[in-house]
N, C-alpha and C. Protein backbone atom coordinates (compact mmCIF):
# COMPACT_ATOMS: atom_id res chain seq x y z
N MET A 1 -67.10 25.70 11.61
CA MET A 1 -66.29 24.53 11.81
C MET A 1 -65.16 24.55 10.79
N ALA A 2 -63.98 24.34 11.23
CA ALA A 2 -62.81 24.34 10.34
C ALA A 2 -62.76 23.06 9.54
N SER A 3 -62.27 23.17 8.32
CA SER A 3 -62.14 21.98 7.48
C SER A 3 -60.67 21.62 7.34
N ARG A 4 -60.42 20.39 7.06
CA ARG A 4 -59.05 19.94 6.86
C ARG A 4 -58.98 19.22 5.52
N PRO A 5 -57.87 19.33 4.80
CA PRO A 5 -57.78 18.67 3.49
C PRO A 5 -57.68 17.16 3.64
N LEU A 6 -58.26 16.48 2.70
CA LEU A 6 -58.09 15.03 2.62
C LEU A 6 -57.04 14.76 1.56
N HIS A 7 -55.99 14.11 1.92
CA HIS A 7 -54.89 13.85 1.00
C HIS A 7 -55.33 12.85 -0.06
N ASP A 8 -54.60 12.83 -1.18
CA ASP A 8 -54.98 11.89 -2.23
C ASP A 8 -54.75 10.45 -1.77
N ARG A 9 -55.38 9.53 -2.47
CA ARG A 9 -55.37 8.13 -2.05
C ARG A 9 -53.97 7.53 -1.97
N GLN A 10 -53.05 7.95 -2.83
CA GLN A 10 -51.71 7.38 -2.80
C GLN A 10 -50.99 7.71 -1.50
N SER A 11 -51.28 8.85 -0.90
CA SER A 11 -50.56 9.25 0.31
C SER A 11 -51.22 8.72 1.58
N LEU A 12 -52.39 8.14 1.47
CA LEU A 12 -53.05 7.61 2.66
C LEU A 12 -52.40 6.31 3.09
N ASP A 13 -52.29 6.14 4.36
CA ASP A 13 -51.69 4.94 4.92
C ASP A 13 -52.73 3.87 5.17
N MET A 14 -53.93 4.07 4.72
CA MET A 14 -55.01 3.15 5.06
C MET A 14 -55.92 2.90 3.87
N TRP A 15 -56.79 1.96 4.06
CA TRP A 15 -57.79 1.60 3.06
C TRP A 15 -58.81 2.72 2.95
N VAL A 16 -59.29 2.99 1.73
CA VAL A 16 -60.35 3.97 1.50
C VAL A 16 -61.41 3.31 0.62
N HIS A 17 -62.63 3.37 1.08
CA HIS A 17 -63.77 2.84 0.30
C HIS A 17 -64.72 4.00 0.02
N THR A 18 -65.10 4.14 -1.24
CA THR A 18 -66.04 5.19 -1.65
C THR A 18 -67.27 4.53 -2.26
N PRO A 19 -68.36 4.42 -1.51
CA PRO A 19 -69.57 3.84 -2.09
C PRO A 19 -70.14 4.76 -3.16
N THR A 20 -70.61 4.18 -4.25
CA THR A 20 -71.18 4.98 -5.32
C THR A 20 -72.63 5.35 -5.00
N GLY A 21 -73.07 6.43 -5.60
CA GLY A 21 -74.46 6.84 -5.44
C GLY A 21 -75.42 5.78 -5.97
N LEU A 22 -75.01 5.10 -7.06
CA LEU A 22 -75.83 4.04 -7.63
C LEU A 22 -76.00 2.88 -6.63
N THR A 23 -74.92 2.52 -5.96
CA THR A 23 -74.99 1.44 -4.97
C THR A 23 -75.94 1.81 -3.84
N LEU A 24 -75.82 3.01 -3.33
CA LEU A 24 -76.67 3.45 -2.23
C LEU A 24 -78.13 3.54 -2.66
N ALA A 25 -78.38 4.02 -3.88
CA ALA A 25 -79.76 4.08 -4.40
C ALA A 25 -80.33 2.68 -4.58
N TRP A 26 -79.51 1.77 -5.13
CA TRP A 26 -79.97 0.39 -5.33
C TRP A 26 -80.34 -0.25 -3.99
N LEU A 27 -79.55 -0.03 -2.97
CA LEU A 27 -79.86 -0.59 -1.65
C LEU A 27 -81.11 0.04 -1.06
N ALA A 28 -81.29 1.33 -1.26
CA ALA A 28 -82.48 2.01 -0.74
C ALA A 28 -83.76 1.46 -1.36
N ILE A 29 -83.68 1.02 -2.60
CA ILE A 29 -84.83 0.44 -3.29
C ILE A 29 -84.96 -1.05 -3.00
N SER A 30 -83.85 -1.78 -3.07
CA SER A 30 -83.92 -3.24 -3.00
C SER A 30 -84.17 -3.78 -1.59
N ILE A 31 -83.63 -3.15 -0.57
CA ILE A 31 -83.82 -3.67 0.79
C ILE A 31 -85.31 -3.74 1.16
N PRO A 32 -86.07 -2.66 0.99
CA PRO A 32 -87.51 -2.78 1.31
C PRO A 32 -88.23 -3.82 0.45
N LEU A 33 -87.86 -3.92 -0.84
CA LEU A 33 -88.51 -4.91 -1.71
C LEU A 33 -88.19 -6.34 -1.27
N VAL A 34 -86.96 -6.59 -0.87
CA VAL A 34 -86.58 -7.94 -0.43
C VAL A 34 -87.29 -8.28 0.89
N ILE A 35 -87.41 -7.31 1.79
CA ILE A 35 -88.14 -7.54 3.04
C ILE A 35 -89.60 -7.85 2.74
N TRP A 36 -90.19 -7.10 1.81
CA TRP A 36 -91.58 -7.31 1.40
C TRP A 36 -91.75 -8.72 0.83
N ASP A 37 -90.84 -9.11 -0.07
CA ASP A 37 -90.90 -10.42 -0.71
C ASP A 37 -90.73 -11.54 0.33
N THR A 38 -89.78 -11.37 1.22
CA THR A 38 -89.54 -12.38 2.26
C THR A 38 -90.77 -12.53 3.15
N GLY A 39 -91.38 -11.41 3.50
CA GLY A 39 -92.61 -11.46 4.30
C GLY A 39 -93.71 -12.22 3.59
N TYR A 40 -93.87 -11.95 2.29
CA TYR A 40 -94.90 -12.65 1.53
C TYR A 40 -94.67 -14.17 1.57
N VAL A 41 -93.45 -14.59 1.29
CA VAL A 41 -93.15 -16.03 1.22
C VAL A 41 -93.26 -16.69 2.59
N MET A 42 -92.68 -16.08 3.60
CA MET A 42 -92.63 -16.71 4.91
C MET A 42 -94.01 -16.77 5.60
N LEU A 43 -94.91 -15.88 5.19
CA LEU A 43 -96.24 -15.86 5.80
C LEU A 43 -97.32 -16.52 4.94
N ARG A 44 -96.90 -17.17 3.83
CA ARG A 44 -97.90 -17.88 3.02
C ARG A 44 -98.52 -18.99 3.86
N PRO A 45 -99.76 -19.31 3.71
CA PRO A 45 -100.76 -18.81 2.75
C PRO A 45 -101.53 -17.58 3.23
N LEU A 46 -101.20 -17.04 4.41
CA LEU A 46 -101.92 -15.86 4.90
C LEU A 46 -101.79 -14.66 3.99
N THR A 47 -100.67 -14.57 3.25
CA THR A 47 -100.44 -13.42 2.38
C THR A 47 -100.99 -13.62 0.97
N MET A 48 -101.52 -14.80 0.69
CA MET A 48 -102.05 -15.12 -0.63
C MET A 48 -103.52 -14.69 -0.72
N PRO A 49 -104.08 -14.61 -1.95
CA PRO A 49 -105.48 -14.22 -2.09
C PRO A 49 -106.38 -15.08 -1.19
N GLY A 50 -107.25 -14.41 -0.44
CA GLY A 50 -108.12 -15.09 0.50
C GLY A 50 -107.54 -15.16 1.90
N GLY A 51 -106.24 -14.91 2.02
CA GLY A 51 -105.59 -14.94 3.33
C GLY A 51 -105.83 -13.65 4.09
N SER A 52 -105.76 -13.74 5.41
CA SER A 52 -106.06 -12.59 6.26
C SER A 52 -105.07 -11.44 6.11
N LEU A 53 -103.88 -11.70 5.60
CA LEU A 53 -102.87 -10.65 5.45
C LEU A 53 -102.69 -10.18 4.01
N HIS A 54 -103.47 -10.75 3.09
CA HIS A 54 -103.28 -10.44 1.67
C HIS A 54 -103.48 -8.97 1.34
N TRP A 55 -104.63 -8.41 1.76
CA TRP A 55 -104.96 -7.04 1.42
C TRP A 55 -104.52 -6.11 2.52
N PRO A 56 -103.91 -4.97 2.25
CA PRO A 56 -103.53 -4.38 0.99
C PRO A 56 -102.06 -4.62 0.61
N VAL A 57 -101.27 -5.13 1.54
CA VAL A 57 -99.81 -5.16 1.36
C VAL A 57 -99.35 -6.08 0.23
N TRP A 58 -99.94 -7.26 0.12
CA TRP A 58 -99.43 -8.24 -0.84
C TRP A 58 -100.35 -8.47 -2.04
N VAL A 59 -101.25 -7.55 -2.33
CA VAL A 59 -102.15 -7.65 -3.49
C VAL A 59 -101.36 -7.78 -4.80
N PRO A 60 -100.26 -7.04 -5.01
CA PRO A 60 -99.51 -7.19 -6.27
C PRO A 60 -98.98 -8.60 -6.53
N TYR A 61 -98.89 -9.41 -5.51
CA TYR A 61 -98.40 -10.78 -5.70
C TYR A 61 -99.39 -11.66 -6.46
N GLU A 62 -100.63 -11.21 -6.62
CA GLU A 62 -101.57 -11.97 -7.44
C GLU A 62 -101.03 -12.12 -8.86
N ILE A 63 -100.43 -11.05 -9.39
CA ILE A 63 -99.82 -11.11 -10.73
C ILE A 63 -98.63 -12.06 -10.70
N TYR A 64 -97.80 -11.93 -9.69
CA TYR A 64 -96.59 -12.74 -9.62
C TYR A 64 -96.91 -14.22 -9.44
N MET A 65 -97.98 -14.53 -8.71
CA MET A 65 -98.40 -15.92 -8.52
C MET A 65 -98.80 -16.56 -9.85
N ARG A 66 -99.39 -15.77 -10.75
CA ARG A 66 -99.76 -16.29 -12.07
C ARG A 66 -98.55 -16.41 -12.98
N THR A 67 -97.54 -15.55 -12.75
CA THR A 67 -96.34 -15.55 -13.57
C THR A 67 -95.39 -16.67 -13.17
N ASP A 68 -95.21 -16.85 -11.87
CA ASP A 68 -94.26 -17.84 -11.33
C ASP A 68 -94.98 -18.70 -10.31
N PHE A 69 -95.33 -19.90 -10.71
CA PHE A 69 -96.12 -20.79 -9.85
C PHE A 69 -95.40 -21.16 -8.55
N ILE A 70 -94.09 -20.99 -8.49
CA ILE A 70 -93.35 -21.32 -7.27
C ILE A 70 -93.77 -20.40 -6.12
N TYR A 71 -94.38 -19.25 -6.46
CA TYR A 71 -94.87 -18.31 -5.46
C TYR A 71 -96.33 -18.55 -5.09
N GLY A 72 -96.98 -19.47 -5.77
CA GLY A 72 -98.41 -19.64 -5.57
C GLY A 72 -98.81 -20.98 -4.99
N TRP A 73 -100.06 -21.33 -5.27
CA TRP A 73 -100.66 -22.53 -4.69
C TRP A 73 -100.00 -23.81 -5.17
N LYS A 74 -99.52 -23.83 -6.42
CA LYS A 74 -98.88 -25.05 -6.93
C LYS A 74 -97.73 -25.47 -6.02
N ALA A 75 -96.88 -24.55 -5.68
CA ALA A 75 -95.73 -24.87 -4.82
C ALA A 75 -96.19 -25.24 -3.41
N ILE A 76 -97.18 -24.55 -2.90
CA ILE A 76 -97.70 -24.86 -1.56
C ILE A 76 -98.26 -26.27 -1.54
N ASN A 77 -99.11 -26.59 -2.54
CA ASN A 77 -99.75 -27.91 -2.58
C ASN A 77 -98.75 -29.04 -2.80
N GLU A 78 -97.68 -28.77 -3.55
CA GLU A 78 -96.65 -29.79 -3.78
C GLU A 78 -95.61 -29.84 -2.66
N LYS A 79 -95.78 -28.98 -1.67
CA LYS A 79 -94.82 -28.87 -0.57
C LYS A 79 -93.40 -28.62 -1.08
N ASN A 80 -93.33 -27.77 -2.10
CA ASN A 80 -92.05 -27.38 -2.69
C ASN A 80 -91.43 -26.32 -1.79
N GLY A 81 -90.33 -26.64 -1.16
CA GLY A 81 -89.71 -25.75 -0.19
C GLY A 81 -88.69 -24.78 -0.76
N PHE A 82 -88.47 -24.81 -2.08
CA PHE A 82 -87.43 -23.96 -2.64
C PHE A 82 -87.66 -22.48 -2.34
N THR A 83 -88.88 -22.00 -2.52
CA THR A 83 -89.15 -20.57 -2.34
C THR A 83 -88.90 -20.15 -0.90
N ALA A 84 -89.36 -20.95 0.06
CA ALA A 84 -89.13 -20.61 1.47
C ALA A 84 -87.65 -20.70 1.82
N ALA A 85 -86.94 -21.67 1.25
CA ALA A 85 -85.50 -21.78 1.51
C ALA A 85 -84.77 -20.56 0.95
N GLN A 86 -85.13 -20.16 -0.25
CA GLN A 86 -84.52 -18.98 -0.87
C GLN A 86 -84.86 -17.73 -0.07
N ALA A 87 -86.11 -17.60 0.37
CA ALA A 87 -86.52 -16.44 1.17
C ALA A 87 -85.80 -16.42 2.51
N SER A 88 -85.51 -17.58 3.06
CA SER A 88 -84.75 -17.65 4.31
C SER A 88 -83.35 -17.07 4.13
N MET A 89 -82.79 -17.29 2.95
CA MET A 89 -81.46 -16.73 2.67
C MET A 89 -81.51 -15.22 2.45
N ASN A 90 -82.71 -14.68 2.19
CA ASN A 90 -82.85 -13.23 2.09
C ASN A 90 -82.53 -12.55 3.42
N ILE A 91 -82.78 -13.25 4.51
CA ILE A 91 -82.61 -12.63 5.83
C ILE A 91 -81.15 -12.29 6.11
N PRO A 92 -80.21 -13.25 6.06
CA PRO A 92 -78.81 -12.84 6.28
C PRO A 92 -78.29 -11.90 5.20
N GLU A 93 -78.73 -12.08 3.97
CA GLU A 93 -78.32 -11.18 2.89
C GLU A 93 -78.73 -9.74 3.19
N THR A 94 -79.98 -9.55 3.59
CA THR A 94 -80.48 -8.21 3.90
C THR A 94 -79.80 -7.64 5.13
N LEU A 95 -79.56 -8.46 6.13
CA LEU A 95 -78.85 -7.99 7.32
C LEU A 95 -77.43 -7.52 6.97
N LEU A 96 -76.79 -8.23 6.05
CA LEU A 96 -75.46 -7.79 5.60
C LEU A 96 -75.54 -6.43 4.90
N TYR A 97 -76.53 -6.26 4.04
CA TYR A 97 -76.70 -4.97 3.36
C TYR A 97 -76.99 -3.85 4.36
N ILE A 98 -77.81 -4.12 5.35
CA ILE A 98 -78.12 -3.11 6.37
C ILE A 98 -76.85 -2.78 7.17
N TYR A 99 -76.06 -3.79 7.49
CA TYR A 99 -74.80 -3.55 8.19
C TYR A 99 -73.86 -2.72 7.33
N TYR A 100 -73.82 -2.99 6.03
CA TYR A 100 -73.02 -2.20 5.11
C TYR A 100 -73.44 -0.73 5.18
N LEU A 101 -74.76 -0.48 5.10
CA LEU A 101 -75.25 0.90 5.17
C LEU A 101 -74.93 1.54 6.52
N TYR A 102 -75.02 0.76 7.57
CA TYR A 102 -74.64 1.26 8.89
C TYR A 102 -73.19 1.73 8.88
N LEU A 103 -72.31 0.93 8.32
CA LEU A 103 -70.90 1.32 8.24
C LEU A 103 -70.73 2.58 7.40
N VAL A 104 -71.41 2.63 6.27
CA VAL A 104 -71.28 3.78 5.36
C VAL A 104 -71.75 5.07 6.04
N TYR A 105 -72.87 5.02 6.73
CA TYR A 105 -73.43 6.25 7.29
C TYR A 105 -72.91 6.57 8.70
N THR A 106 -72.26 5.63 9.35
CA THR A 106 -71.74 5.87 10.69
C THR A 106 -70.26 6.26 10.66
N TYR A 107 -69.49 5.64 9.79
CA TYR A 107 -68.04 5.83 9.81
C TYR A 107 -67.51 6.59 8.61
N ASN A 108 -68.34 7.35 7.93
CA ASN A 108 -67.88 8.03 6.72
C ASN A 108 -67.23 9.37 7.03
N THR A 109 -66.37 9.77 6.12
CA THR A 109 -65.82 11.12 6.10
C THR A 109 -66.39 11.76 4.85
N ARG A 110 -67.05 12.89 5.01
CA ARG A 110 -67.67 13.55 3.87
C ARG A 110 -66.69 14.56 3.30
N VAL A 111 -66.50 14.47 1.99
CA VAL A 111 -65.50 15.30 1.33
C VAL A 111 -66.15 15.99 0.13
N SER A 112 -65.88 17.28 -0.02
CA SER A 112 -66.44 18.04 -1.14
C SER A 112 -65.60 17.81 -2.39
N ALA A 113 -66.04 18.39 -3.49
CA ALA A 113 -65.35 18.22 -4.77
C ALA A 113 -63.92 18.74 -4.72
N ASP A 114 -63.66 19.75 -3.89
CA ASP A 114 -62.29 20.27 -3.80
C ASP A 114 -61.48 19.55 -2.71
N ARG A 115 -61.99 18.38 -2.28
CA ARG A 115 -61.31 17.47 -1.37
C ARG A 115 -61.13 18.04 0.03
N GLU A 116 -62.05 18.90 0.46
CA GLU A 116 -62.03 19.43 1.81
C GLU A 116 -63.07 18.69 2.64
N VAL A 117 -62.74 18.33 3.85
CA VAL A 117 -63.70 17.72 4.76
C VAL A 117 -64.69 18.82 5.15
N VAL A 118 -65.99 18.52 5.07
CA VAL A 118 -67.01 19.55 5.26
C VAL A 118 -68.09 19.08 6.21
N SER A 119 -68.95 20.00 6.56
CA SER A 119 -70.12 19.67 7.37
C SER A 119 -71.33 19.54 6.45
N ALA A 120 -72.49 19.36 7.05
CA ALA A 120 -73.72 19.16 6.28
C ALA A 120 -74.03 20.37 5.41
N GLY A 121 -74.76 20.14 4.34
CA GLY A 121 -75.21 21.21 3.48
C GLY A 121 -74.37 21.43 2.24
N VAL A 122 -73.22 20.79 2.13
CA VAL A 122 -72.35 20.94 0.98
C VAL A 122 -72.36 19.62 0.20
N PRO A 123 -72.51 19.67 -1.12
CA PRO A 123 -72.49 18.42 -1.90
C PRO A 123 -71.18 17.66 -1.65
N THR A 124 -71.32 16.42 -1.27
CA THR A 124 -70.13 15.65 -0.86
C THR A 124 -70.18 14.23 -1.37
N ARG A 125 -69.04 13.56 -1.23
CA ARG A 125 -68.95 12.11 -1.41
C ARG A 125 -68.61 11.52 -0.06
N ARG A 126 -69.00 10.30 0.15
CA ARG A 126 -68.70 9.62 1.41
C ARG A 126 -67.50 8.71 1.21
N TYR A 127 -66.55 8.81 2.11
CA TYR A 127 -65.37 7.96 2.11
C TYR A 127 -65.31 7.23 3.44
N LEU A 128 -65.00 5.95 3.41
CA LEU A 128 -64.77 5.21 4.63
C LEU A 128 -63.28 4.91 4.68
N LEU A 129 -62.66 5.36 5.73
CA LEU A 129 -61.22 5.23 5.86
C LEU A 129 -60.86 4.09 6.80
N GLY A 130 -59.77 3.41 6.51
CA GLY A 130 -59.22 2.41 7.41
C GLY A 130 -60.07 1.17 7.56
N GLU A 131 -60.10 0.65 8.78
CA GLU A 131 -60.79 -0.61 9.06
C GLU A 131 -62.27 -0.59 8.71
N PRO A 132 -63.03 0.47 9.05
CA PRO A 132 -64.44 0.48 8.64
C PRO A 132 -64.61 0.41 7.12
N GLY A 133 -63.71 1.04 6.37
CA GLY A 133 -63.77 0.98 4.91
C GLY A 133 -63.51 -0.43 4.40
N ALA A 134 -62.49 -1.07 4.95
CA ALA A 134 -62.18 -2.44 4.54
C ALA A 134 -63.31 -3.39 4.92
N LEU A 135 -63.87 -3.21 6.12
CA LEU A 135 -64.97 -4.07 6.56
C LEU A 135 -66.20 -3.86 5.67
N ALA A 136 -66.49 -2.62 5.30
CA ALA A 136 -67.63 -2.35 4.42
C ALA A 136 -67.48 -3.05 3.09
N VAL A 137 -66.27 -3.07 2.55
CA VAL A 137 -66.03 -3.75 1.27
C VAL A 137 -66.29 -5.25 1.41
N VAL A 138 -65.79 -5.85 2.47
CA VAL A 138 -65.97 -7.30 2.67
C VAL A 138 -67.44 -7.63 2.89
N VAL A 139 -68.13 -6.85 3.71
CA VAL A 139 -69.55 -7.09 3.98
C VAL A 139 -70.38 -6.88 2.72
N GLY A 140 -70.11 -5.81 1.99
CA GLY A 140 -70.83 -5.55 0.75
C GLY A 140 -70.59 -6.63 -0.29
N PHE A 141 -69.35 -7.09 -0.38
CA PHE A 141 -69.03 -8.16 -1.33
C PHE A 141 -69.73 -9.47 -0.95
N ALA A 142 -69.74 -9.79 0.34
CA ALA A 142 -70.42 -11.01 0.79
C ALA A 142 -71.91 -10.95 0.46
N ALA A 143 -72.54 -9.81 0.72
CA ALA A 143 -73.97 -9.67 0.44
C ALA A 143 -74.25 -9.73 -1.05
N ALA A 144 -73.42 -9.05 -1.84
CA ALA A 144 -73.62 -9.06 -3.30
C ALA A 144 -73.41 -10.46 -3.87
N THR A 145 -72.47 -11.21 -3.30
CA THR A 145 -72.26 -12.60 -3.73
C THR A 145 -73.49 -13.44 -3.42
N MET A 146 -74.10 -13.21 -2.27
CA MET A 146 -75.35 -13.92 -1.94
C MET A 146 -76.44 -13.57 -2.94
N THR A 147 -76.58 -12.29 -3.26
CA THR A 147 -77.62 -11.86 -4.20
C THR A 147 -77.42 -12.54 -5.55
N PHE A 148 -76.20 -12.48 -6.07
CA PHE A 148 -75.92 -13.09 -7.37
C PHE A 148 -76.17 -14.61 -7.32
N SER A 149 -75.66 -15.26 -6.29
CA SER A 149 -75.80 -16.72 -6.19
C SER A 149 -77.25 -17.15 -6.10
N LYS A 150 -78.06 -16.45 -5.32
CA LYS A 150 -79.47 -16.81 -5.19
C LYS A 150 -80.20 -16.60 -6.51
N THR A 151 -79.91 -15.50 -7.19
CA THR A 151 -80.54 -15.23 -8.48
C THR A 151 -80.17 -16.30 -9.50
N PHE A 152 -78.90 -16.65 -9.55
CA PHE A 152 -78.42 -17.68 -10.46
C PHE A 152 -79.05 -19.04 -10.12
N LEU A 153 -79.11 -19.37 -8.83
CA LEU A 153 -79.72 -20.63 -8.39
C LEU A 153 -81.19 -20.67 -8.76
N TYR A 154 -81.88 -19.56 -8.62
CA TYR A 154 -83.30 -19.49 -8.97
C TYR A 154 -83.48 -19.83 -10.44
N GLY A 155 -82.65 -19.25 -11.31
CA GLY A 155 -82.71 -19.55 -12.74
C GLY A 155 -82.38 -21.00 -13.04
N LEU A 156 -81.35 -21.52 -12.37
CA LEU A 156 -80.99 -22.94 -12.56
C LEU A 156 -82.10 -23.87 -12.10
N ASN A 157 -82.75 -23.54 -11.00
CA ASN A 157 -83.85 -24.36 -10.50
C ASN A 157 -84.95 -24.44 -11.55
N GLU A 158 -85.27 -23.32 -12.17
CA GLU A 158 -86.29 -23.33 -13.22
C GLU A 158 -85.82 -24.13 -14.44
N ALA A 159 -84.59 -23.91 -14.85
CA ALA A 159 -84.07 -24.61 -16.04
C ALA A 159 -84.08 -26.12 -15.82
N PHE A 160 -83.61 -26.57 -14.66
CA PHE A 160 -83.53 -28.01 -14.39
C PHE A 160 -84.89 -28.64 -14.10
N SER A 161 -85.90 -27.82 -13.84
CA SER A 161 -87.25 -28.37 -13.65
C SER A 161 -88.08 -28.25 -14.92
N GLY A 162 -87.42 -27.95 -16.05
CA GLY A 162 -88.13 -27.84 -17.31
C GLY A 162 -88.99 -26.59 -17.40
N TRP A 163 -88.62 -25.55 -16.69
CA TRP A 163 -89.37 -24.28 -16.66
C TRP A 163 -90.80 -24.51 -16.19
N SER A 164 -90.97 -25.47 -15.27
CA SER A 164 -92.31 -25.89 -14.86
C SER A 164 -93.12 -24.83 -14.14
N HIS A 165 -92.50 -23.79 -13.65
CA HIS A 165 -93.24 -22.78 -12.92
C HIS A 165 -93.49 -21.50 -13.72
N VAL A 166 -92.81 -21.37 -14.87
CA VAL A 166 -92.95 -20.13 -15.64
C VAL A 166 -93.25 -20.35 -17.12
N ARG A 167 -93.30 -21.58 -17.60
CA ARG A 167 -93.46 -21.80 -19.04
C ARG A 167 -94.83 -21.41 -19.57
N GLN A 168 -95.79 -21.15 -18.72
CA GLN A 168 -97.13 -20.76 -19.15
C GLN A 168 -97.18 -19.32 -19.66
N ASN A 169 -96.10 -18.56 -19.49
CA ASN A 169 -96.06 -17.14 -19.83
C ASN A 169 -95.66 -16.89 -21.27
N GLU A 170 -96.20 -15.81 -21.82
CA GLU A 170 -95.68 -15.26 -23.07
C GLU A 170 -94.37 -14.56 -22.72
N TRP A 171 -93.51 -14.35 -23.73
CA TRP A 171 -92.21 -13.71 -23.48
C TRP A 171 -92.35 -12.34 -22.83
N THR A 172 -93.35 -11.56 -23.25
CA THR A 172 -93.50 -10.21 -22.69
C THR A 172 -93.78 -10.26 -21.19
N GLU A 173 -94.68 -11.17 -20.78
CA GLU A 173 -94.98 -11.31 -19.35
C GLU A 173 -93.78 -11.86 -18.59
N LEU A 174 -93.10 -12.81 -19.21
CA LEU A 174 -91.93 -13.41 -18.56
C LEU A 174 -90.85 -12.35 -18.31
N ILE A 175 -90.62 -11.52 -19.31
CA ILE A 175 -89.60 -10.47 -19.15
C ILE A 175 -90.06 -9.45 -18.11
N MET A 176 -91.30 -9.00 -18.21
CA MET A 176 -91.80 -7.94 -17.33
C MET A 176 -91.95 -8.38 -15.88
N TYR A 177 -92.46 -9.58 -15.65
CA TYR A 177 -92.81 -9.99 -14.28
C TYR A 177 -91.88 -11.03 -13.67
N TRP A 178 -90.96 -11.60 -14.44
CA TRP A 178 -90.07 -12.62 -13.87
C TRP A 178 -88.61 -12.26 -14.04
N ILE A 179 -88.19 -11.91 -15.25
CA ILE A 179 -86.76 -11.63 -15.50
C ILE A 179 -86.35 -10.30 -14.89
N ILE A 180 -87.08 -9.23 -15.15
CA ILE A 180 -86.70 -7.91 -14.62
C ILE A 180 -86.72 -7.89 -13.08
N PRO A 181 -87.76 -8.39 -12.42
CA PRO A 181 -87.73 -8.37 -10.95
C PRO A 181 -86.60 -9.20 -10.32
N LYS A 182 -86.13 -10.20 -11.02
CA LYS A 182 -85.04 -11.02 -10.48
C LYS A 182 -83.76 -10.22 -10.49
C-alpha cells in the first residue's frame, strides 16, 4: 500500500486533533470502572452484602461501604438519593466517552514518526482531521467537564454535610479508599 505524506499542521486547512496515549489509557481503565460503579449503585440493595448480585462482582464494595457510608446502608435507610443521582449522571458521561473513542478509532489517520500515513504494524500516532477531529474535542471536553463537575460536587456534598459519610476513617483509609478512587 502506498503512503502519502501528512503535511505539517500550519499547512492544513482543517482542524487536527491528536489524542494522547495517556488519555486513551485513562479511558480504557476508567470506562469499565465507572460502568461497574454505576451498576453497583443502581442495583442496590441487590449488589450489597447479602444481596443476590453481591458475589462475585461487587464484593470489593464491602470496603467502600465502610469507607463512604453514602454507598452503604446508611444512605439507603435515610433515602439519600445523592449517590443514585450522581450514578445516573455517569450514564451520559460514559456514553460521551465511548462516542469520543468511536470517533478516535473510526475517523483517525495513522501517521508514523516520519509523518507518513501508514498501515497496521508500524508505530503510529492517531490524528483526527477536520470535522471528526473538532467533534471529538467538543465531545471529550463535555465528558471531561462532567467528570470534573461530579467529582467536585461529590466533595462539596461531603463538606457541606459535615463529612458525615467519611469522617469515621483514618487519613490513610480516607486517602486510599476515598480520595484516590475519586
